[in-house]
Amino acid sequence: METPGRRERKKAATRQALADAALELFLERGYDQVSIRDIAEAADVSTTTLFKHFPGKEALVFDESEDREANMIAAVLERPTGQNVVEALREYVLATWLPLTEHPQYPEFTALVSGTPALQEYGERLWTRHAAALGAAIAEDAGADPDDVSCRALARFVLDIPALTRGRPDPRKAVEEIFDLLAHGWR
């Protein structure tokens, strides 16, 4: 794997500094009480620089969304030979979502998103886009029509796992139960 150059590393560091500053300010003051200027100042950049990295305030909260979508698609299309799609997505969710639930700021982050209508709406738009992209990748892998209802349904179920397992005493067990249902059907 190629190491990113200095320019790419600097851009990534600026993007991360902006996302970190935004989250800190949002958790401290509340989403609606923080301006774009506040975030830019906290990250020591101009508002122009902020907009080079993020299209708007909501995107600062969901800063890893594009990477997540690409990684979900890669989990399907680049999985090992012999591994089925459901098992590849199980591995992906266990490796990526479960660690998020263990982050010390996870409860605060969840409360921020669920308590802010603008973030709920933005998150729903992302979710819809991710479901369409993942459904198309599953369909491509299966040789099905890009709009195949079974492929879209599987994508939606997988993307609903974080919401379905949020607040469960044993998130791993809940994720495993859902994937067992997806893999084996209702019993």
Protein backbone atom coordinates (compact mmCIF):
# COMPACT_ATOMS: atom_id res chain seq x y z
CA MET A 1 0.00 0.00 0.00
CA GLU A 2 1.32 3.41 -0.96
CA THR A 3 2.01 5.92 1.80
CA PRO A 4 0.17 9.22 1.27
CA GLY A 5 2.35 12.22 0.45
CA ARG A 6 2.83 15.19 2.71
CA ARG A 7 0.09 17.20 1.02
CA GLU A 8 -2.47 14.39 1.46
CA ARG A 9 -1.42 13.89 5.08
CA LYS A 10 -1.80 17.60 5.76
CA LYS A 11 -5.26 17.67 4.15
CA ALA A 12 -6.31 14.63 6.17
CA ALA A 13 -4.99 16.23 9.37
CA THR A 14 -6.89 19.46 8.66
CA ARG A 15 -10.07 17.51 7.92
CA GLN A 16 -9.69 15.54 11.16
CA ALA A 17 -8.96 18.71 13.17
CA LEU A 18 -12.15 20.29 11.81
CA ALA A 19 -14.27 17.22 12.59
CA ASP A 20 -12.79 16.93 16.09
CA ALA A 21 -13.29 20.64 16.82
CA ALA A 22 -16.87 20.49 15.56
CA LEU A 23 -17.78 17.47 17.66
CA GLU A 24 -16.19 18.96 20.77
CA LEU A 25 -18.07 22.24 20.30
CA PHE A 26 -21.36 20.50 19.46
CA LEU A 27 -21.14 18.30 22.56
CA GLU A 28 -20.16 21.25 24.74
CA ARG A 29 -22.65 23.87 23.50
CA GLY A 30 -25.23 22.05 21.41
CA TYR A 31 -25.38 21.81 17.63
CA ASP A 32 -27.55 24.90 17.05
CA GLN A 33 -25.36 27.11 19.25
CA VAL A 34 -22.20 26.52 17.19
CA SER A 35 -21.46 28.40 13.97
CA ILE A 36 -19.23 27.45 11.07
CA ARG A 37 -16.97 30.34 12.11
CA ASP A 38 -16.71 28.91 15.65
CA ILE A 39 -15.57 25.57 14.23
CA ALA A 40 -13.06 27.12 11.83
CA GLU A 41 -11.59 29.25 14.62
CA ALA A 42 -11.32 26.27 16.98
CA ALA A 43 -9.42 24.34 14.27
CA ASP A 44 -7.34 27.44 13.40
CA VAL A 45 -8.41 27.57 9.75
CA SER A 46 -10.53 29.89 7.63
CA THR A 47 -14.18 29.20 6.87
CA THR A 48 -13.12 28.86 3.22
CA THR A 49 -10.80 26.03 4.21
CA LEU A 50 -13.59 24.40 6.21
CA PHE A 51 -15.84 24.42 3.13
CA LYS A 52 -13.07 22.87 1.03
CA HIS A 53 -13.30 19.84 3.31
CA PHE A 54 -17.00 19.75 4.24
CA PRO A 55 -20.08 20.86 2.30
CA GLY A 56 -21.89 22.03 5.45
CA LYS A 57 -22.23 21.88 9.18
CA GLU A 58 -24.03 18.52 9.28
CA ALA A 59 -21.26 16.83 7.28
CA LEU A 60 -18.83 17.64 10.11
CA VAL A 61 -20.73 15.25 12.37
CA PHE A 62 -20.77 12.44 9.81
CA ASP A 63 -17.20 13.02 8.64
CA GLU A 64 -16.37 9.38 7.89
CA SER A 65 -19.51 8.63 5.90
CA GLU A 66 -17.90 8.41 2.46
CA ASP A 67 -15.19 6.07 3.71
CA ARG A 68 -17.78 3.88 5.40
CA GLU A 69 -19.80 3.54 2.22
CA ALA A 70 -16.71 2.65 0.17
CA ASN A 71 -15.59 0.15 2.81
CA MET A 72 -19.01 -1.53 2.94
CA ILE A 73 -19.00 -1.93 -0.82
CA ALA A 74 -15.44 -3.28 -0.71
CA ALA A 75 -16.53 -5.79 1.97
CA VAL A 76 -18.99 -7.18 -0.57
CA LEU A 77 -17.05 -6.92 -3.81
CA GLU A 78 -13.56 -7.74 -2.49
CA ARG A 79 -14.42 -10.49 -0.01
CA PRO A 80 -12.40 -13.72 0.03
CA THR A 81 -13.35 -16.48 -2.39
CA GLY A 82 -15.86 -18.81 -0.79
CA GLN A 83 -17.22 -16.25 1.69
CA ASN A 84 -20.85 -15.29 1.12
CA VAL A 85 -22.11 -11.72 1.17
CA VAL A 86 -23.92 -12.01 4.52
CA GLU A 87 -20.79 -13.34 6.25
CA ALA A 88 -18.64 -10.60 4.68
CA LEU A 89 -21.06 -7.95 5.94
CA ARG A 90 -21.15 -9.61 9.37
CA GLU A 91 -17.36 -9.34 9.59
CA TYR A 92 -17.50 -5.72 8.42
CA VAL A 93 -20.12 -4.69 11.00
CA LEU A 94 -18.37 -6.51 13.84
CA ALA A 95 -15.02 -4.95 12.93
CA THR A 96 -16.23 -1.39 12.34
CA TRP A 97 -19.44 -0.67 14.22
CA LEU A 98 -18.85 -2.50 17.49
CA PRO A 99 -15.68 -0.52 18.28
CA LEU A 100 -17.68 2.70 17.86
CA THR A 101 -20.10 1.59 20.58
CA GLU A 102 -17.16 1.31 22.97
CA HIS A 103 -15.91 4.85 22.35
CA PRO A 104 -16.29 6.98 25.50
CA GLN A 105 -18.16 9.71 23.56
CA TYR A 106 -20.58 7.30 21.87
CA PRO A 107 -23.53 7.97 24.23
CA GLU A 108 -23.05 11.75 23.90
CA PHE A 109 -22.72 11.49 20.12
CA THR A 110 -25.88 9.39 19.86
CA ALA A 111 -27.79 11.86 22.04
CA LEU A 112 -26.51 14.77 19.91
CA VAL A 113 -27.72 13.18 16.67
CA SER A 114 -31.04 11.93 18.02
CA GLY A 115 -31.74 15.27 19.71
CA THR A 116 -31.00 17.45 16.67
CA PRO A 117 -33.57 17.42 13.83
CA ALA A 118 -31.07 18.73 11.24
CA LEU A 119 -28.67 15.89 12.07
CA GLN A 120 -31.45 13.30 12.05
CA GLU A 121 -32.52 14.45 8.57
CA TYR A 122 -28.95 14.51 7.28
CA GLY A 123 -28.28 11.07 8.74
CA GLU A 124 -31.44 9.73 7.07
CA ARG A 125 -30.32 11.08 3.68
CA LEU A 126 -26.92 9.42 4.15
CA TRP A 127 -28.57 6.19 5.22
CA THR A 128 -30.75 6.19 2.08
CA ARG A 129 -27.74 6.85 -0.14
CA HIS A 130 -25.70 4.13 1.57
CA ALA A 131 -28.57 1.65 1.25
CA ALA A 132 -28.83 2.32 -2.49
CA ALA A 133 -25.06 2.01 -3.02
CA LEU A 134 -24.74 -1.15 -0.91
CA GLY A 135 -27.81 -2.68 -2.56
CA ALA A 136 -26.32 -1.99 -6.00
CA ALA A 137 -23.01 -3.59 -4.95
CA ILE A 138 -24.80 -6.69 -3.65
CA ALA A 139 -26.78 -6.86 -6.91
CA GLU A 140 -23.61 -6.45 -8.98
CA ASP A 141 -21.98 -9.28 -7.06
CA ALA A 142 -25.05 -11.50 -7.53
CA GLY A 143 -25.38 -10.65 -11.22
CA ALA A 144 -28.82 -9.19 -10.51
CA ASP A 145 -30.53 -6.02 -11.66
CA PRO A 146 -29.11 -2.98 -9.78
CA ASP A 147 -32.59 -2.31 -8.36
CA ASP A 148 -33.21 -5.94 -7.25
CA VAL A 149 -35.54 -5.83 -4.24
CA SER A 150 -33.81 -8.68 -2.38
CA CYS A 151 -30.43 -6.99 -2.68
CA ARG A 152 -31.84 -3.65 -1.56
CA ALA A 153 -33.62 -5.32 1.37
CA LEU A 154 -30.41 -7.00 2.55
CA ALA A 155 -28.59 -3.66 2.35
CA ARG A 156 -31.29 -1.91 4.37
CA PHE A 157 -31.33 -4.62 7.03
CA VAL A 158 -27.55 -4.43 7.42
CA LEU A 159 -27.62 -0.65 7.63
CA ASP A 160 -30.34 -0.83 10.31
CA ILE A 161 -28.16 -2.94 12.61
CA PRO A 162 -26.66 0.02 14.51
CA ALA A 163 -30.14 1.41 15.26
CA LEU A 164 -31.55 -2.01 16.17
CA THR A 165 -28.71 -2.84 18.56
CA ARG A 166 -28.17 0.62 20.11
CA GLY A 167 -28.48 0.49 23.88
CA ARG A 168 -28.43 -3.31 24.09
CA PRO A 169 -26.44 -4.69 27.03
CA ASP A 170 -24.44 -6.95 24.69
CA PRO A 171 -24.18 -5.28 21.25
CA ARG A 172 -22.04 -8.10 19.82
CA LYS A 173 -24.66 -10.71 20.73
CA ALA A 174 -27.39 -8.55 19.18
CA VAL A 175 -25.39 -8.12 15.95
CA GLU A 176 -24.76 -11.86 15.78
CA GLU A 177 -28.47 -12.61 16.31
CA ILE A 178 -29.44 -10.29 13.45
CA PHE A 179 -26.88 -11.79 11.10
CA ASP A 180 -27.99 -15.30 12.05
CA LEU A 181 -31.51 -14.26 11.05
CA LEU A 182 -30.21 -12.84 7.75
CA ALA A 183 -28.14 -15.95 7.06
CA HIS A 184 -30.63 -18.62 8.14
CA GLY A 185 -34.07 -16.99 8.13
CA TRP A 186 -36.73 -16.84 10.80
CA ARG A 187 -36.94 -19.92 13.03
